[in-house]
């Protein structure tokens, strides 16, 4: 995985970092700490700057968060419960009873 990350950064530069961080937000198994560590390392022998890496990593994180927000907006609770009922056993997820929502006003 390390070679893939460094190759992506060498080939695409700031765009590669932005893409890797955005993908990391959407698919959590890729740790952002590894990406940012390699990004900092790349500033020592490429034309990347620390400030540039910080800026594109922040933008990539925001893009990933917007994607997750969009998915959460489109998938309502009933649809998510159907998905968990159908595929949750593979991820060891179970449906939980919903408690009635309380109005605090």
C-alpha atoms as a PDB file:
ATOM      1  CA  UNK A   1       0.000   0.000   0.000  1.00  0.00           C
ATOM      2  CA  UNK A   2       2.907   2.357   0.711  1.00  0.00           C
ATOM      3  CA  UNK A   3       4.184   2.091  -2.851  1.00  0.00           C
ATOM      4  CA  UNK A   4       0.726   2.781  -4.226  1.00  0.00           C
ATOM      5  CA  UNK A   5       0.342   5.905  -2.079  1.00  0.00           C
ATOM      6  CA  UNK A   6       3.770   7.298  -2.930  1.00  0.00           C
ATOM      7  CA  UNK A   7       3.331   6.508  -6.629  1.00  0.00           C
ATOM      8  CA  UNK A   8       0.000   8.326  -6.611  1.00  0.00           C
ATOM      9  CA  UNK A   9       1.594  11.364  -4.983  1.00  0.00           C
ATOM     10  CA  UNK A  10       4.608  11.334  -7.316  1.00  0.00           C
ATOM     11  CA  UNK A  11       2.478  10.966 -10.417  1.00  0.00           C
ATOM     12  CA  UNK A  12      -0.362  13.380  -9.583  1.00  0.00           C
ATOM     13  CA  UNK A  13       1.175  15.640  -6.915  1.00  0.00           C
ATOM     14  CA  UNK A  14      -1.356  17.719  -5.027  1.00  0.00           C
ATOM     15  CA  UNK A  15      -4.257  16.190  -6.970  1.00  0.00           C
ATOM     16  CA  UNK A  16      -3.170  12.735  -5.829  1.00  0.00           C
ATOM     17  CA  UNK A  17      -3.156  13.812  -2.189  1.00  0.00           C
ATOM     18  CA  UNK A  18      -6.585  15.413  -2.578  1.00  0.00           C
ATOM     19  CA  UNK A  19      -7.992  12.254  -4.171  1.00  0.00           C
ATOM     20  CA  UNK A  20      -6.432   9.935  -1.587  1.00  0.00           C
ATOM     21  CA  UNK A  21      -7.784  11.957   1.342  1.00  0.00           C
ATOM     22  CA  UNK A  22     -11.263  12.182  -0.231  1.00  0.00           C
ATOM     23  CA  UNK A  23     -11.294   8.413  -0.817  1.00  0.00           C
ATOM     24  CA  UNK A  24     -10.028   7.837   2.729  1.00  0.00           C
ATOM     25  CA  UNK A  25     -12.996   9.738   4.126  1.00  0.00           C
ATOM     26  CA  UNK A  26     -15.455   7.668   2.124  1.00  0.00           C
ATOM     27  CA  UNK A  27     -13.703   4.298   2.659  1.00  0.00           C
ATOM     28  CA  UNK A  28     -12.188   4.334   6.175  1.00  0.00           C
ATOM     29  CA  UNK A  29      -9.843   1.336   5.859  1.00  0.00           C
ATOM     30  CA  UNK A  30      -7.233   3.656   4.326  1.00  0.00           C
ATOM     31  CA  UNK A  31      -5.801   5.657   7.249  1.00  0.00           C
ATOM     32  CA  UNK A  32      -5.283   9.370   6.613  1.00  0.00           C
ATOM     33  CA  UNK A  33      -2.299   9.367   8.965  1.00  0.00           C
ATOM     34  CA  UNK A  34      -0.382   7.230   6.490  1.00  0.00           C
ATOM     35  CA  UNK A  35      -1.313   9.469   3.573  1.00  0.00           C
ATOM     36  CA  UNK A  36      -0.337  12.648   5.420  1.00  0.00           C
ATOM     37  CA  UNK A  37       2.912  11.105   6.674  1.00  0.00           C
ATOM     38  CA  UNK A  38       3.904  10.253   3.126  1.00  0.00           C
ATOM     39  CA  UNK A  39       2.719  13.680   1.999  1.00  0.00           C
ATOM     40  CA  UNK A  40       5.077  15.282   4.506  1.00  0.00           C
ATOM     41  CA  UNK A  41       7.866  12.985   3.379  1.00  0.00           C
ATOM     42  CA  UNK A  42       7.244  13.911  -0.254  1.00  0.00           C
ATOM     43  CA  UNK A  43       7.848  17.585   0.585  1.00  0.00           C
ATOM     44  CA  UNK A  44      11.502  16.755   1.275  1.00  0.00           C
ATOM     45  CA  UNK A  45      12.402  15.554  -2.215  1.00  0.00           C
ATOM     46  CA  UNK A  46       9.707  16.871  -4.572  1.00  0.00           C
ATOM     47  CA  UNK A  47       8.346  20.312  -5.323  1.00  0.00           C
ATOM     48  CA  UNK A  48       5.409  19.815  -2.915  1.00  0.00           C
ATOM     49  CA  UNK A  49       5.233  22.252   0.001  1.00  0.00           C
ATOM     50  CA  UNK A  50       3.980  21.620   3.515  1.00  0.00           C
ATOM     51  CA  UNK A  51       1.412  24.410   3.176  1.00  0.00           C
ATOM     52  CA  UNK A  52       0.173  22.969  -0.149  1.00  0.00           C
ATOM     53  CA  UNK A  53      -0.173  19.489   1.329  1.00  0.00           C
ATOM     54  CA  UNK A  54      -2.164  20.871   4.269  1.00  0.00           C
ATOM     55  CA  UNK A  55      -4.472  22.859   1.972  1.00  0.00           C
ATOM     56  CA  UNK A  56      -5.220  20.003  -0.454  1.00  0.00           C
ATOM     57  CA  UNK A  57      -5.634  17.503   2.404  1.00  0.00           C
ATOM     58  CA  UNK A  58      -8.186  19.832   3.988  1.00  0.00           C
ATOM     59  CA  UNK A  59     -10.034  20.259   0.684  1.00  0.00           C
ATOM     60  CA  UNK A  60      -9.979  16.494   0.110  1.00  0.00           C
ATOM     61  CA  UNK A  61     -11.371  15.889   3.579  1.00  0.00           C
ATOM     62  CA  UNK A  62     -14.180  18.375   2.943  1.00  0.00           C
ATOM     63  CA  UNK A  63     -15.002  16.724  -0.394  1.00  0.00           C
ATOM     64  CA  UNK A  64     -15.145  13.306   1.304  1.00  0.00           C
ATOM     65  CA  UNK A  65     -17.404  14.684   4.028  1.00  0.00           C
ATOM     66  CA  UNK A  66     -19.721  16.214   1.423  1.00  0.00           C
ATOM     67  CA  UNK A  67     -19.945  12.859  -0.358  1.00  0.00           C
ATOM     68  CA  UNK A  68     -20.825  11.096   2.897  1.00  0.00           C
ATOM     69  CA  UNK A  69     -23.384  13.778   3.719  1.00  0.00           C
ATOM     70  CA  UNK A  70     -24.960  13.298   0.284  1.00  0.00           C
ATOM     71  CA  UNK A  71     -25.173   9.550   0.790  1.00  0.00           C
ATOM     72  CA  UNK A  72     -26.723  10.072   4.224  1.00  0.00           C
ATOM     73  CA  UNK A  73     -29.194  12.539   2.773  1.00  0.00           C
ATOM     74  CA  UNK A  74     -30.261  10.156  -0.008  1.00  0.00           C
ATOM     75  CA  UNK A  75     -30.464   6.995   2.118  1.00  0.00           C
ATOM     76  CA  UNK A  76     -33.245   7.330   4.653  1.00  0.00           C
ATOM     77  CA  UNK A  77     -33.535   5.191   7.786  1.00  0.00           C
ATOM     78  CA  UNK A  78     -36.006   2.712   6.285  1.00  0.00           C
ATOM     79  CA  UNK A  79     -33.818   2.070   3.253  1.00  0.00           C
ATOM     80  CA  UNK A  80     -30.777   1.638   5.482  1.00  0.00           C
ATOM     81  CA  UNK A  81     -32.631  -0.853   7.682  1.00  0.00           C
ATOM     82  CA  UNK A  82     -33.636  -2.846   4.596  1.00  0.00           C
ATOM     83  CA  UNK A  83     -30.021  -2.911   3.465  1.00  0.00           C
ATOM     84  CA  UNK A  84     -28.825  -4.022   6.910  1.00  0.00           C
ATOM     85  CA  UNK A  85     -31.510  -6.719   7.030  1.00  0.00           C
ATOM     86  CA  UNK A  86     -30.369  -8.033   3.658  1.00  0.00           C
ATOM     87  CA  UNK A  87     -26.569  -7.629   3.788  1.00  0.00           C
ATOM     88  CA  UNK A  88     -25.838  -6.880   7.444  1.00  0.00           C
ATOM     89  CA  UNK A  89     -24.979 -10.467   8.302  1.00  0.00           C
ATOM     90  CA  UNK A  90     -21.831 -10.196   6.176  1.00  0.00           C
ATOM     91  CA  UNK A  91     -20.674  -7.186   8.172  1.00  0.00           C
ATOM     92  CA  UNK A  92     -22.074  -8.503  11.469  1.00  0.00           C
ATOM     93  CA  UNK A  93     -24.616  -5.713  11.705  1.00  0.00           C
ATOM     94  CA  UNK A  94     -28.008  -6.154  13.299  1.00  0.00           C
ATOM     95  CA  UNK A  95     -31.121  -4.067  13.196  1.00  0.00           C
ATOM     96  CA  UNK A  96     -31.914  -2.413  16.460  1.00  0.00           C
ATOM     97  CA  UNK A  97     -35.337  -1.383  17.576  1.00  0.00           C
ATOM     98  CA  UNK A  98     -35.928   2.291  17.147  1.00  0.00           C
ATOM     99  CA  UNK A  99     -37.038   4.175  20.184  1.00  0.00           C
ATOM    100  CA  UNK A 100     -39.747   6.751  19.607  1.00  0.00           C
ATOM    101  CA  UNK A 101     -38.364  10.197  18.984  1.00  0.00           C
ATOM    102  CA  UNK A 102     -38.989  12.654  21.721  1.00  0.00           C
ATOM    103  CA  UNK A 103     -39.829  16.238  21.059  1.00  0.00           C
ATOM    104  CA  UNK A 104     -37.785  18.519  23.272  1.00  0.00           C
ATOM    105  CA  UNK A 105     -39.907  21.595  22.612  1.00  0.00           C
END
